[in-house]
Amino acid sequence: MTSIDPAAADTAARPRRRTHQRDLVTSVFDATDQWLTAQQVHSRLVGRGEPVGLATVYRTLAVLMETGGLDAIHSVNPPEWSYRRCSTQHHHHLTCRQCGKTVEIAAPPIENWAAYMASTHGFTAMQHTIEVSGLCPACQ
């Protein structure tokens, strides 16, 4: 989850019209449950003969993030964002570092701890992201 500034939140509250580009990018995520970077999405579209620019892919990914259509995680090595269609309920991810298999996980103890820490320090409107990575059984 990323924080949203007020201007972006105002934009996200307005209904968005359906566009051909959004349909194209969404179709890439319809075909996989893997995390994909903007460059990977672009490459798949170009490989299918779709005339879409990388900047359009980035803008479309941002819209899909704002509207809850995609989740994003930031990897450290290499430093980049990856995107995936996920459930709409609050959750975290357990991701295999080798093959990218992802399991959505609920973590009530972490939710309770985060809420407690926020209230202890007087914070409200708390958001948090927990990403756990390892090796899945198939990659061990």
N, C-alpha and C. Protein backbone atom coordinates (compact mmCIF):
# COMPACT_ATOMS: atom_id res chain seq x y z
N MET A 1 0.84 -1.17 0.00
CA MET A 1 0.00 0.00 0.00
C MET A 1 0.88 1.23 0.00
N THR A 2 0.56 2.19 -0.80
CA THR A 2 1.30 3.43 -0.80
C THR A 2 0.41 4.53 -0.27
N SER A 3 1.02 5.56 0.30
CA SER A 3 0.21 6.67 0.78
C SER A 3 -0.22 7.51 -0.40
N ILE A 4 -1.38 8.13 -0.27
CA ILE A 4 -1.94 8.93 -1.35
C ILE A 4 -2.02 10.37 -0.88
N ASP A 5 -1.51 11.30 -1.66
CA ASP A 5 -1.62 12.69 -1.27
C ASP A 5 -3.04 13.18 -1.57
N PRO A 6 -3.49 14.26 -0.90
CA PRO A 6 -4.88 14.71 -1.05
C PRO A 6 -5.29 14.98 -2.49
N ALA A 7 -4.41 15.53 -3.29
CA ALA A 7 -4.77 15.81 -4.69
C ALA A 7 -5.05 14.51 -5.44
N ALA A 8 -4.22 13.51 -5.21
CA ALA A 8 -4.42 12.22 -5.87
C ALA A 8 -5.69 11.55 -5.35
N ALA A 9 -5.96 11.68 -4.04
CA ALA A 9 -7.16 11.08 -3.47
C ALA A 9 -8.40 11.70 -4.09
N ASP A 10 -8.37 13.03 -4.32
CA ASP A 10 -9.50 13.70 -4.95
C ASP A 10 -9.71 13.17 -6.37
N THR A 11 -8.61 12.97 -7.07
CA THR A 11 -8.68 12.43 -8.43
C THR A 11 -9.20 11.00 -8.40
N ALA A 12 -8.75 10.20 -7.42
CA ALA A 12 -9.16 8.80 -7.34
C ALA A 12 -10.65 8.68 -7.03
N ALA A 13 -11.24 9.68 -6.35
CA ALA A 13 -12.64 9.63 -5.97
C ALA A 13 -13.56 9.80 -7.18
N ARG A 14 -13.09 10.48 -8.21
CA ARG A 14 -13.90 10.69 -9.41
C ARG A 14 -13.94 9.41 -10.24
N PRO A 15 -15.10 9.11 -10.82
CA PRO A 15 -15.17 7.92 -11.68
C PRO A 15 -14.25 8.08 -12.89
N ARG A 16 -13.65 7.00 -13.29
CA ARG A 16 -12.76 7.02 -14.44
C ARG A 16 -13.43 6.30 -15.59
N ARG A 17 -13.28 6.89 -16.77
CA ARG A 17 -13.87 6.25 -17.94
C ARG A 17 -12.99 5.08 -18.37
N ARG A 18 -13.63 4.13 -18.97
CA ARG A 18 -12.91 2.96 -19.48
C ARG A 18 -12.16 3.37 -20.74
N THR A 19 -10.91 2.94 -20.84
CA THR A 19 -10.11 3.27 -22.02
C THR A 19 -9.54 2.00 -22.64
N HIS A 20 -9.20 2.11 -23.91
CA HIS A 20 -8.59 0.97 -24.61
C HIS A 20 -7.27 0.59 -23.96
N GLN A 21 -6.46 1.59 -23.58
CA GLN A 21 -5.16 1.32 -22.96
C GLN A 21 -5.33 0.58 -21.63
N ARG A 22 -6.32 1.01 -20.84
CA ARG A 22 -6.55 0.34 -19.55
C ARG A 22 -6.98 -1.10 -19.79
N ASP A 23 -7.81 -1.31 -20.80
CA ASP A 23 -8.23 -2.68 -21.13
C ASP A 23 -7.03 -3.53 -21.55
N LEU A 24 -6.12 -2.94 -22.32
CA LEU A 24 -4.92 -3.68 -22.75
C LEU A 24 -4.06 -4.08 -21.56
N VAL A 25 -3.78 -3.11 -20.67
CA VAL A 25 -2.94 -3.40 -19.51
C VAL A 25 -3.63 -4.42 -18.60
N THR A 26 -4.92 -4.25 -18.40
CA THR A 26 -5.67 -5.20 -17.57
C THR A 26 -5.61 -6.60 -18.15
N SER A 27 -5.64 -6.71 -19.48
CA SER A 27 -5.60 -8.03 -20.11
C SER A 27 -4.29 -8.75 -19.81
N VAL A 28 -3.21 -8.01 -19.65
CA VAL A 28 -1.93 -8.64 -19.30
C VAL A 28 -2.04 -9.29 -17.92
N PHE A 29 -2.68 -8.60 -16.97
CA PHE A 29 -2.82 -9.15 -15.63
C PHE A 29 -3.89 -10.24 -15.56
N ASP A 30 -4.82 -10.25 -16.52
CA ASP A 30 -5.80 -11.34 -16.60
C ASP A 30 -5.12 -12.66 -16.91
N ALA A 31 -3.97 -12.60 -17.58
CA ALA A 31 -3.29 -13.81 -18.05
C ALA A 31 -2.23 -14.33 -17.09
N THR A 32 -2.03 -13.67 -15.94
CA THR A 32 -0.97 -14.11 -15.03
C THR A 32 -1.32 -13.76 -13.60
N ASP A 33 -0.72 -14.48 -12.67
CA ASP A 33 -0.83 -14.10 -11.26
C ASP A 33 0.55 -13.69 -10.72
N GLN A 34 1.47 -13.48 -11.62
CA GLN A 34 2.83 -13.08 -11.25
C GLN A 34 2.94 -11.56 -11.09
N TRP A 35 3.97 -11.12 -10.37
CA TRP A 35 4.30 -9.70 -10.26
C TRP A 35 4.98 -9.29 -11.56
N LEU A 36 4.58 -8.17 -12.11
CA LEU A 36 5.17 -7.67 -13.36
C LEU A 36 5.57 -6.21 -13.19
N THR A 37 6.72 -5.86 -13.75
CA THR A 37 7.14 -4.46 -13.78
C THR A 37 6.45 -3.77 -14.96
N ALA A 38 6.50 -2.45 -14.97
CA ALA A 38 5.93 -1.69 -16.09
C ALA A 38 6.59 -2.11 -17.40
N GLN A 39 7.90 -2.32 -17.37
CA GLN A 39 8.61 -2.72 -18.58
C GLN A 39 8.15 -4.09 -19.06
N GLN A 40 7.88 -5.01 -18.14
CA GLN A 40 7.40 -6.33 -18.53
C GLN A 40 6.01 -6.26 -19.14
N VAL A 41 5.14 -5.43 -18.55
CA VAL A 41 3.80 -5.24 -19.11
C VAL A 41 3.92 -4.67 -20.52
N HIS A 42 4.75 -3.65 -20.67
CA HIS A 42 4.95 -3.03 -21.98
C HIS A 42 5.47 -4.05 -22.99
N SER A 43 6.46 -4.84 -22.61
CA SER A 43 7.03 -5.85 -23.51
C SER A 43 5.98 -6.86 -23.96
N ARG A 44 5.13 -7.28 -23.02
CA ARG A 44 4.08 -8.24 -23.40
C ARG A 44 3.10 -7.63 -24.39
N LEU A 45 2.75 -6.37 -24.18
CA LEU A 45 1.82 -5.71 -25.10
C LEU A 45 2.45 -5.52 -26.47
N VAL A 46 3.69 -5.06 -26.51
CA VAL A 46 4.39 -4.88 -27.79
C VAL A 46 4.54 -6.22 -28.49
N GLY A 47 4.83 -7.27 -27.71
CA GLY A 47 4.95 -8.62 -28.27
C GLY A 47 3.66 -9.11 -28.91
N ARG A 48 2.54 -8.59 -28.45
CA ARG A 48 1.24 -8.95 -29.03
C ARG A 48 0.87 -8.01 -30.18
N GLY A 49 1.77 -7.08 -30.49
CA GLY A 49 1.51 -6.16 -31.60
C GLY A 49 0.67 -4.96 -31.22
N GLU A 50 0.55 -4.66 -29.93
CA GLU A 50 -0.25 -3.52 -29.48
C GLU A 50 0.60 -2.26 -29.49
N PRO A 51 0.15 -1.20 -30.16
CA PRO A 51 0.92 0.04 -30.22
C PRO A 51 0.67 0.91 -28.98
N VAL A 52 1.34 0.58 -27.89
CA VAL A 52 1.17 1.32 -26.64
C VAL A 52 2.55 1.76 -26.15
N GLY A 53 2.64 2.99 -25.67
CA GLY A 53 3.92 3.51 -25.19
C GLY A 53 4.17 3.16 -23.73
N LEU A 54 5.42 3.15 -23.35
CA LEU A 54 5.79 2.84 -21.97
C LEU A 54 5.21 3.88 -21.00
N ALA A 55 5.19 5.14 -21.38
CA ALA A 55 4.61 6.18 -20.52
C ALA A 55 3.12 5.91 -20.27
N THR A 56 2.43 5.44 -21.30
CA THR A 56 1.02 5.10 -21.15
C THR A 56 0.84 3.95 -20.18
N VAL A 57 1.74 2.96 -20.25
CA VAL A 57 1.68 1.84 -19.32
C VAL A 57 1.86 2.35 -17.89
N TYR A 58 2.86 3.20 -17.67
CA TYR A 58 3.07 3.75 -16.32
C TYR A 58 1.84 4.50 -15.82
N ARG A 59 1.26 5.36 -16.65
CA ARG A 59 0.06 6.12 -16.25
C ARG A 59 -1.09 5.17 -15.94
N THR A 60 -1.27 4.16 -16.76
CA THR A 60 -2.36 3.21 -16.57
C THR A 60 -2.16 2.41 -15.29
N LEU A 61 -0.94 2.00 -15.01
CA LEU A 61 -0.67 1.28 -13.76
C LEU A 61 -1.00 2.16 -12.56
N ALA A 62 -0.68 3.45 -12.64
CA ALA A 62 -0.99 4.37 -11.54
C ALA A 62 -2.50 4.46 -11.32
N VAL A 63 -3.26 4.53 -12.40
CA VAL A 63 -4.72 4.59 -12.29
C VAL A 63 -5.25 3.30 -11.67
N LEU A 64 -4.76 2.16 -12.13
CA LEU A 64 -5.21 0.88 -11.59
C LEU A 64 -4.85 0.73 -10.12
N MET A 65 -3.72 1.29 -9.71
CA MET A 65 -3.35 1.30 -8.29
C MET A 65 -4.34 2.16 -7.50
N GLU A 66 -4.62 3.36 -7.99
CA GLU A 66 -5.53 4.29 -7.31
C GLU A 66 -6.92 3.70 -7.13
N THR A 67 -7.38 2.97 -8.12
CA THR A 67 -8.74 2.44 -8.09
C THR A 67 -8.84 1.06 -7.45
N GLY A 68 -7.71 0.53 -6.97
CA GLY A 68 -7.73 -0.75 -6.29
C GLY A 68 -7.64 -1.95 -7.21
N GLY A 69 -7.34 -1.73 -8.47
CA GLY A 69 -7.25 -2.83 -9.42
C GLY A 69 -5.97 -3.63 -9.33
N LEU A 70 -4.92 -3.02 -8.78
CA LEU A 70 -3.62 -3.68 -8.65
C LEU A 70 -2.99 -3.36 -7.30
N ASP A 71 -2.14 -4.26 -6.85
CA ASP A 71 -1.26 -4.01 -5.71
C ASP A 71 0.14 -3.79 -6.27
N ALA A 72 0.99 -3.16 -5.50
CA ALA A 72 2.38 -2.94 -5.92
C ALA A 72 3.31 -3.27 -4.77
N ILE A 73 4.47 -3.81 -5.13
CA ILE A 73 5.54 -4.00 -4.15
C ILE A 73 6.80 -3.40 -4.75
N HIS A 74 7.68 -2.97 -3.87
CA HIS A 74 8.94 -2.37 -4.31
C HIS A 74 10.06 -3.32 -3.94
N SER A 75 10.79 -3.79 -4.94
CA SER A 75 11.93 -4.65 -4.67
C SER A 75 13.19 -3.81 -4.55
N VAL A 76 14.15 -4.33 -3.82
CA VAL A 76 15.38 -3.61 -3.56
C VAL A 76 16.43 -3.89 -4.63
N ASN A 77 16.49 -5.12 -5.10
CA ASN A 77 17.54 -5.49 -6.02
C ASN A 77 16.96 -6.24 -7.22
N PRO A 78 16.74 -5.61 -8.33
CA PRO A 78 16.97 -4.20 -8.63
C PRO A 78 15.84 -3.35 -8.03
N PRO A 79 16.11 -2.07 -7.78
CA PRO A 79 15.08 -1.21 -7.19
C PRO A 79 14.01 -0.84 -8.22
N GLU A 80 12.85 -1.47 -8.10
CA GLU A 80 11.75 -1.20 -9.04
C GLU A 80 10.43 -1.65 -8.44
N TRP A 81 9.37 -1.12 -9.00
CA TRP A 81 8.03 -1.50 -8.59
C TRP A 81 7.52 -2.63 -9.47
N SER A 82 6.81 -3.56 -8.84
CA SER A 82 6.14 -4.63 -9.56
C SER A 82 4.66 -4.60 -9.18
N TYR A 83 3.82 -5.04 -10.10
CA TYR A 83 2.37 -4.94 -9.93
C TYR A 83 1.71 -6.29 -10.11
N ARG A 84 0.57 -6.46 -9.42
CA ARG A 84 -0.15 -7.73 -9.48
C ARG A 84 -1.61 -7.47 -9.13
N ARG A 85 -2.50 -8.18 -9.78
CA ARG A 85 -3.91 -8.12 -9.40
C ARG A 85 -4.09 -8.99 -8.16
N CYS A 86 -4.70 -8.41 -7.14
CA CYS A 86 -4.89 -9.12 -5.87
C CYS A 86 -6.35 -9.00 -5.43
N SER A 87 -6.64 -9.68 -4.33
CA SER A 87 -7.97 -9.54 -3.74
C SER A 87 -8.14 -8.11 -3.23
N THR A 88 -9.36 -7.70 -3.04
CA THR A 88 -9.62 -6.33 -2.63
C THR A 88 -9.57 -6.16 -1.11
N GLN A 89 -9.52 -7.26 -0.37
CA GLN A 89 -9.44 -7.17 1.08
C GLN A 89 -7.99 -6.88 1.50
N HIS A 90 -7.84 -6.24 2.67
CA HIS A 90 -6.50 -5.95 3.17
C HIS A 90 -5.75 -7.26 3.38
N HIS A 91 -4.54 -7.30 2.87
CA HIS A 91 -3.72 -8.50 3.00
C HIS A 91 -2.25 -8.14 2.81
N HIS A 92 -1.40 -9.11 3.01
CA HIS A 92 0.04 -8.96 2.79
C HIS A 92 0.47 -10.07 1.84
N HIS A 93 1.73 -10.05 1.44
CA HIS A 93 2.20 -11.02 0.45
C HIS A 93 3.39 -11.82 0.97
N LEU A 94 3.38 -13.10 0.67
CA LEU A 94 4.51 -13.99 0.86
C LEU A 94 4.93 -14.38 -0.56
N THR A 95 6.13 -13.94 -0.97
CA THR A 95 6.55 -14.09 -2.36
C THR A 95 7.85 -14.88 -2.45
N CYS A 96 7.90 -15.82 -3.38
CA CYS A 96 9.13 -16.58 -3.62
C CYS A 96 10.12 -15.69 -4.36
N ARG A 97 11.32 -15.58 -3.84
CA ARG A 97 12.35 -14.74 -4.45
C ARG A 97 12.86 -15.33 -5.76
N GLN A 98 12.66 -16.62 -5.98
CA GLN A 98 13.20 -17.25 -7.19
C GLN A 98 12.18 -17.27 -8.33
N CYS A 99 10.98 -17.80 -8.08
CA CYS A 99 10.01 -17.95 -9.17
C CYS A 99 8.91 -16.90 -9.16
N GLY A 100 8.78 -16.16 -8.07
CA GLY A 100 7.77 -15.11 -7.99
C GLY A 100 6.40 -15.56 -7.52
N LYS A 101 6.24 -16.86 -7.21
CA LYS A 101 4.95 -17.34 -6.69
C LYS A 101 4.57 -16.49 -5.49
N THR A 102 3.30 -16.09 -5.43
CA THR A 102 2.85 -15.22 -4.35
C THR A 102 1.63 -15.81 -3.67
N VAL A 103 1.63 -15.74 -2.35
CA VAL A 103 0.49 -16.16 -1.55
C VAL A 103 0.02 -14.94 -0.77
N GLU A 104 -1.27 -14.65 -0.86
CA GLU A 104 -1.83 -13.57 -0.07
C GLU A 104 -2.05 -14.10 1.35
N ILE A 105 -1.58 -13.33 2.33
CA ILE A 105 -1.70 -13.78 3.71
C ILE A 105 -2.40 -12.72 4.56
N ALA A 106 -3.20 -13.19 5.49
CA ALA A 106 -3.80 -12.32 6.51
C ALA A 106 -2.90 -12.44 7.74
N ALA A 107 -2.79 -11.37 8.48
CA ALA A 107 -1.90 -11.38 9.64
C ALA A 107 -2.52 -10.59 10.79
N PRO A 108 -3.58 -11.13 11.42
CA PRO A 108 -4.25 -10.41 12.51
C PRO A 108 -3.31 -9.92 13.62
N PRO A 109 -2.32 -10.71 14.06
CA PRO A 109 -1.43 -10.18 15.10
C PRO A 109 -0.66 -8.92 14.65
N ILE A 110 -0.27 -8.88 13.38
CA ILE A 110 0.43 -7.70 12.86
C ILE A 110 -0.52 -6.52 12.78
N GLU A 111 -1.76 -6.78 12.37
CA GLU A 111 -2.76 -5.70 12.31
C GLU A 111 -2.97 -5.11 13.69
N ASN A 112 -3.09 -5.98 14.69
CA ASN A 112 -3.29 -5.51 16.06
C ASN A 112 -2.08 -4.72 16.55
N TRP A 113 -0.87 -5.22 16.28
CA TRP A 113 0.35 -4.53 16.70
C TRP A 113 0.45 -3.15 16.03
N ALA A 114 0.18 -3.08 14.72
CA ALA A 114 0.26 -1.82 14.01
C ALA A 114 -0.75 -0.80 14.55
N ALA A 115 -1.97 -1.26 14.82
CA ALA A 115 -2.99 -0.36 15.39
C ALA A 115 -2.57 0.11 16.78
N TYR A 116 -2.03 -0.79 17.58
CA TYR A 116 -1.57 -0.43 18.93
C TYR A 116 -0.43 0.59 18.86
N MET A 117 0.55 0.35 18.00
CA MET A 117 1.68 1.28 17.87
C MET A 117 1.21 2.65 17.39
N ALA A 118 0.30 2.68 16.46
CA ALA A 118 -0.22 3.96 15.96
C ALA A 118 -0.93 4.72 17.07
N SER A 119 -1.81 4.05 17.78
CA SER A 119 -2.57 4.74 18.84
C SER A 119 -1.67 5.14 20.00
N THR A 120 -0.68 4.32 20.32
CA THR A 120 0.26 4.65 21.40
C THR A 120 1.00 5.95 21.13
N HIS A 121 1.28 6.20 19.87
CA HIS A 121 2.03 7.40 19.49
C HIS A 121 1.14 8.50 18.93
N GLY A 122 -0.19 8.34 19.07
CA GLY A 122 -1.12 9.37 18.65
C GLY A 122 -1.35 9.47 17.15
N PHE A 123 -1.00 8.44 16.41
CA PHE A 123 -1.19 8.45 14.97
C PHE A 123 -2.60 7.97 14.61
N THR A 124 -3.14 8.54 13.55
CA THR A 124 -4.42 8.09 13.01
C THR A 124 -4.25 7.87 11.51
N ALA A 125 -5.31 7.39 10.87
CA ALA A 125 -5.28 7.13 9.43
C ALA A 125 -4.07 6.29 9.05
N MET A 126 -3.81 5.27 9.86
CA MET A 126 -2.64 4.43 9.70
C MET A 126 -2.74 3.56 8.45
N GLN A 127 -1.62 3.42 7.77
CA GLN A 127 -1.47 2.47 6.66
C GLN A 127 -0.17 1.72 6.88
N HIS A 128 -0.09 0.53 6.38
CA HIS A 128 1.15 -0.24 6.50
C HIS A 128 1.20 -1.28 5.39
N THR A 129 2.41 -1.74 5.13
CA THR A 129 2.64 -2.80 4.16
C THR A 129 3.64 -3.77 4.75
N ILE A 130 3.34 -5.04 4.69
CA ILE A 130 4.25 -6.09 5.12
C ILE A 130 4.49 -6.99 3.92
N GLU A 131 5.72 -7.12 3.52
CA GLU A 131 6.08 -8.01 2.42
C GLU A 131 7.08 -9.03 2.97
N VAL A 132 6.78 -10.30 2.80
CA VAL A 132 7.64 -11.37 3.28
C VAL A 132 8.08 -12.17 2.05
N SER A 133 9.38 -12.43 1.95
CA SER A 133 9.86 -13.22 0.82
C SER A 133 10.71 -14.37 1.32
N GLY A 134 10.76 -15.40 0.52
CA GLY A 134 11.54 -16.60 0.83
C GLY A 134 11.57 -17.48 -0.40
N LEU A 135 11.79 -18.77 -0.18
CA LEU A 135 11.78 -19.73 -1.28
C LEU A 135 10.59 -20.67 -1.10
N CYS A 136 9.77 -20.78 -2.12
CA CYS A 136 8.60 -21.67 -2.06
C CYS A 136 9.10 -23.13 -2.06
N PRO A 137 8.23 -24.08 -1.72
CA PRO A 137 8.64 -25.49 -1.70
C PRO A 137 9.24 -25.96 -3.03
N ALA A 138 8.70 -25.52 -4.16
CA ALA A 138 9.20 -25.97 -5.46
C ALA A 138 10.62 -25.44 -5.75
N CYS A 139 10.99 -24.30 -5.18
CA CYS A 139 12.30 -23.69 -5.46
C CYS A 139 13.36 -24.01 -4.41
N GLN A 140 12.98 -24.70 -3.36
CA GLN A 140 13.96 -25.00 -2.29
C GLN A 140 14.95 -26.05 -2.73
